Amino acid sequence: MKPARHYSDLIIWQLADELRRAVFSFTARPRFARDFKAQGQADDAINSVCRNIAEGFGCDTHAEFATYLGYSLRSLNEVQDAMHGARSKGYITPEELAAIRLLLKRLYPALTRFIAYLRRTPNYRHRKNASPNPDRTDQRQRPRTDKRQPNRTDDRQTPSTDERQPNRTNDRQKPSTDTREPPRTDER
């Protein structure tokens, strides 16, 4: 599958747009349109689903994109409730509500799976000098010029093996007063 170059290439956006057209066809009906508050809430909710997908597509990281898709998911809950309210008021028939629910049953899992995918994968799309294909190198990528050795994590060093440390003696050191018993040398 080739990567999406525009948010409209995403299947989740295509499903959301299909749902948006269906919702708009219902909210444009004269009886529904006279209920300004219900119409406005339904239209705003479905527009929010599509707009958050589009806005998230332009994010720099997968985590940010997943956050916007989470907003879309919440707006989808609002759409579902608005359509249930429209059915209760008699603005749409049970069959029309069933058609909306079919689209919702396709869009909910598609959104949640895409969110999960974004959260578990590294961000190749916007990260500089990175390529999802390890065999392909970016033309702008330059070889490393830093020749320094990485920092050591082991601080234990012995004076005889560490040539970087000069031999130093501390004149202020007190003579050793070892109170341990010397090892036994007699055999029994």
Protein backbone atom coordinates (compact mmCIF):
# COMPACT_ATOMS: atom_id res chain seq x y z
CA MET A 1 0.00 0.00 0.00
CA LYS A 2 1.45 3.37 -0.95
CA PRO A 3 1.64 6.11 1.68
CA ALA A 4 -0.96 8.87 1.76
CA ARG A 5 0.23 12.16 0.27
CA HIS A 6 -2.91 14.11 1.19
CA TYR A 7 -5.40 13.66 4.00
CA SER A 8 -8.11 12.82 1.46
CA ASP A 9 -6.09 9.69 0.57
CA LEU A 10 -6.78 8.29 4.05
CA ILE A 11 -9.58 5.73 4.23
CA ILE A 12 -10.67 7.12 7.60
CA TRP A 13 -11.17 10.56 6.06
CA GLN A 14 -13.07 9.04 3.10
CA LEU A 15 -15.40 7.19 5.48
CA ALA A 16 -15.87 10.33 7.58
CA ASP A 17 -16.64 12.36 4.46
CA GLU A 18 -19.20 9.77 3.35
CA LEU A 19 -20.81 10.03 6.78
CA ARG A 20 -20.69 13.84 6.56
CA ARG A 21 -22.59 13.82 3.25
CA ALA A 22 -25.24 11.53 4.75
CA VAL A 23 -25.63 13.73 7.83
CA PHE A 24 -25.83 16.88 5.70
CA SER A 25 -28.56 15.30 3.58
CA PHE A 26 -30.61 14.81 6.74
CA THR A 27 -29.88 18.19 8.34
CA ALA A 28 -30.84 19.99 5.10
CA ARG A 29 -34.42 18.73 5.33
CA PRO A 30 -36.85 21.56 6.11
CA ARG A 31 -38.13 20.07 9.36
CA PHE A 32 -34.60 19.35 10.67
CA ALA A 33 -33.27 22.69 9.37
CA ARG A 34 -35.86 24.62 11.39
CA ASP A 35 -34.36 23.19 14.59
CA PHE A 36 -31.31 25.47 14.42
CA LYS A 37 -29.66 24.15 17.54
CA ALA A 38 -29.96 20.45 16.59
CA GLN A 39 -28.90 21.14 13.02
CA GLY A 40 -25.91 23.23 14.11
CA GLN A 41 -24.74 20.66 16.63
CA ALA A 42 -25.01 17.77 14.15
CA ASP A 43 -23.25 19.72 11.39
CA ASP A 44 -20.50 20.95 13.73
CA ALA A 45 -19.89 17.47 15.12
CA ILE A 46 -19.52 15.77 11.74
CA ASN A 47 -17.38 18.62 10.41
CA SER A 48 -15.16 18.25 13.46
CA VAL A 49 -14.55 14.57 12.65
CA CYS A 50 -13.30 15.39 9.14
CA ARG A 51 -11.43 18.54 10.11
CA ASN A 52 -9.48 16.89 12.93
CA ILE A 53 -8.36 14.13 10.59
CA ALA A 54 -7.22 16.76 8.09
CA GLU A 55 -5.50 18.88 10.75
CA GLY A 56 -3.79 15.88 12.34
CA PHE A 57 -2.43 14.79 8.97
CA GLY A 58 -0.29 17.93 8.93
CA CYS A 59 1.27 17.26 12.35
CA ASP A 60 4.99 16.71 12.77
CA THR A 61 4.78 13.50 14.78
CA HIS A 62 2.68 10.37 14.89
CA ALA A 63 1.80 11.10 18.53
CA GLU A 64 0.34 14.49 17.60
CA PHE A 65 -1.61 12.95 14.72
CA ALA A 66 -2.99 10.29 17.09
CA THR A 67 -4.13 13.06 19.44
CA TYR A 68 -6.16 14.74 16.68
CA LEU A 69 -7.66 11.40 15.70
CA GLY A 70 -8.73 11.04 19.32
CA TYR A 71 -10.63 14.33 18.95
CA SER A 72 -12.27 12.92 15.82
CA LEU A 73 -13.34 9.86 17.76
CA ARG A 74 -14.96 12.05 20.42
CA SER A 75 -16.74 14.09 17.78
CA LEU A 76 -17.96 10.84 16.24
CA ASN A 77 -19.64 10.04 19.56
CA GLU A 78 -21.34 13.43 19.35
CA VAL A 79 -22.54 12.69 15.79
CA GLN A 80 -23.97 9.38 16.92
CA ASP A 81 -25.86 11.07 19.75
CA ALA A 82 -27.09 13.88 17.46
CA MET A 83 -28.48 11.34 15.01
CA HIS A 84 -30.15 9.43 17.84
CA GLY A 85 -31.72 12.72 18.96
CA ALA A 86 -32.86 13.44 15.40
CA ARG A 87 -34.54 10.01 15.30
CA SER A 88 -36.24 10.72 18.62
CA LYS A 89 -37.61 13.99 17.23
CA GLY A 90 -38.79 12.29 14.04
CA TYR A 91 -36.36 14.11 11.74
CA ILE A 92 -35.02 10.82 10.35
CA THR A 93 -36.52 7.35 10.02
CA PRO A 94 -35.25 4.20 11.76
CA GLU A 95 -33.95 2.94 8.39
CA GLU A 96 -31.96 6.14 7.85
CA LEU A 97 -30.53 5.87 11.35
CA ALA A 98 -29.55 2.26 10.55
CA ALA A 99 -27.62 3.48 7.47
CA ILE A 100 -25.77 6.02 9.67
CA ARG A 101 -24.97 3.29 12.19
CA LEU A 102 -23.46 1.12 9.43
CA LEU A 103 -21.07 3.93 8.53
CA LEU A 104 -20.28 4.46 12.21
CA LYS A 105 -19.54 0.73 12.61
CA ARG A 106 -16.95 1.03 9.85
CA LEU A 107 -15.43 4.31 10.98
CA TYR A 108 -15.02 3.58 14.72
CA PRO A 109 -12.70 0.56 14.29
CA ALA A 110 -10.83 2.21 11.41
CA LEU A 111 -10.05 5.23 13.59
CA THR A 112 -9.07 3.22 16.65
CA ARG A 113 -6.81 0.92 14.63
CA PHE A 114 -5.12 3.85 12.93
CA ILE A 115 -4.58 5.56 16.30
CA ALA A 116 -3.02 2.34 17.64
CA TYR A 117 -0.79 2.10 14.56
CA LEU A 118 0.43 5.67 14.99
CA ARG A 119 1.20 5.14 18.66
CA ARG A 120 3.26 1.99 18.11
CA THR A 121 5.31 3.06 15.07
CA PRO A 122 8.23 5.47 14.83
CA ASN A 123 7.71 8.67 12.93
CA TYR A 124 9.44 8.32 9.56
CA ARG A 125 7.44 10.92 7.71
CA HIS A 126 8.77 14.08 9.30
CA ARG A 127 11.94 13.01 11.10
CA LYS A 128 15.01 14.48 9.44
CA ASN A 129 17.55 12.14 7.81
CA ALA A 130 15.44 9.08 8.47
CA SER A 131 14.21 6.57 6.02
CA PRO A 132 11.64 3.82 6.55
CA ASN A 133 13.66 1.67 4.17
CA PRO A 134 17.10 0.89 5.68
CA ASP A 135 18.53 0.04 2.24
CA ARG A 136 17.75 3.51 0.94
CA THR A 137 19.75 6.44 2.24
CA ASP A 138 18.63 10.01 2.13
CA GLN A 139 20.70 12.12 -0.29
CA ARG A 140 20.90 14.89 2.30
CA GLN A 141 22.33 12.55 4.92
CA ARG A 142 26.00 13.20 5.53
CA PRO A 143 28.57 10.91 7.14
CA ARG A 144 29.29 11.45 10.79
CA THR A 145 32.18 13.83 11.36
CA ASP A 146 32.31 13.53 15.14
CA LYS A 147 35.20 11.19 15.98
CA ARG A 148 34.91 11.44 19.78
CA GLN A 149 34.51 8.28 21.76
CA PRO A 150 31.26 7.84 23.64
CA ASN A 151 31.25 8.63 27.35
CA ARG A 152 32.31 5.81 29.60
CA THR A 153 29.78 4.56 32.06
CA ASP A 154 32.25 2.62 34.19
CA ASP A 155 34.04 4.93 36.62
CA ARG A 156 36.24 2.18 38.06
CA GLN A 157 39.76 2.69 36.78
CA THR A 158 43.04 1.28 37.97
CA PRO A 159 46.09 3.55 37.95
CA SER A 160 48.24 0.98 36.15
CA THR A 161 45.88 0.64 33.19
CA ASP A 162 44.60 4.17 32.82
CA GLU A 163 47.25 6.12 30.96
CA ARG A 164 45.22 9.30 30.90
CA GLN A 165 45.56 9.84 34.65
CA PRO A 166 48.99 11.11 35.70
CA ASN A 167 50.59 9.49 38.72
CA ARG A 168 49.64 11.66 41.62
CA THR A 169 50.34 11.23 45.25
CA ASN A 170 48.64 13.07 47.98
CA ASP A 171 51.18 14.39 50.44
CA ARG A 172 48.51 14.85 53.04
CA GLN A 173 47.62 11.17 53.18
CA LYS A 174 48.04 9.56 56.56
CA PRO A 175 50.01 6.36 56.82
CA SER A 176 47.88 3.30 56.60
CA THR A 177 46.91 1.81 59.93
CA ASP A 178 45.66 -1.59 59.02
CA THR A 179 44.13 -3.30 62.06
CA ARG A 180 43.51 -6.60 60.36
CA GLU A 181 45.53 -9.65 61.36
CA PRO A 182 48.16 -10.79 58.90
CA PRO A 183 47.44 -14.09 57.17
CA ARG A 184 48.74 -17.23 58.90
CA THR A 185 51.74 -18.88 57.36
CA ASP A 186 52.26 -21.84 59.68
CA GLU A 187 50.92 -25.13 58.50
CA ARG A 188 48.84 -27.37 60.67
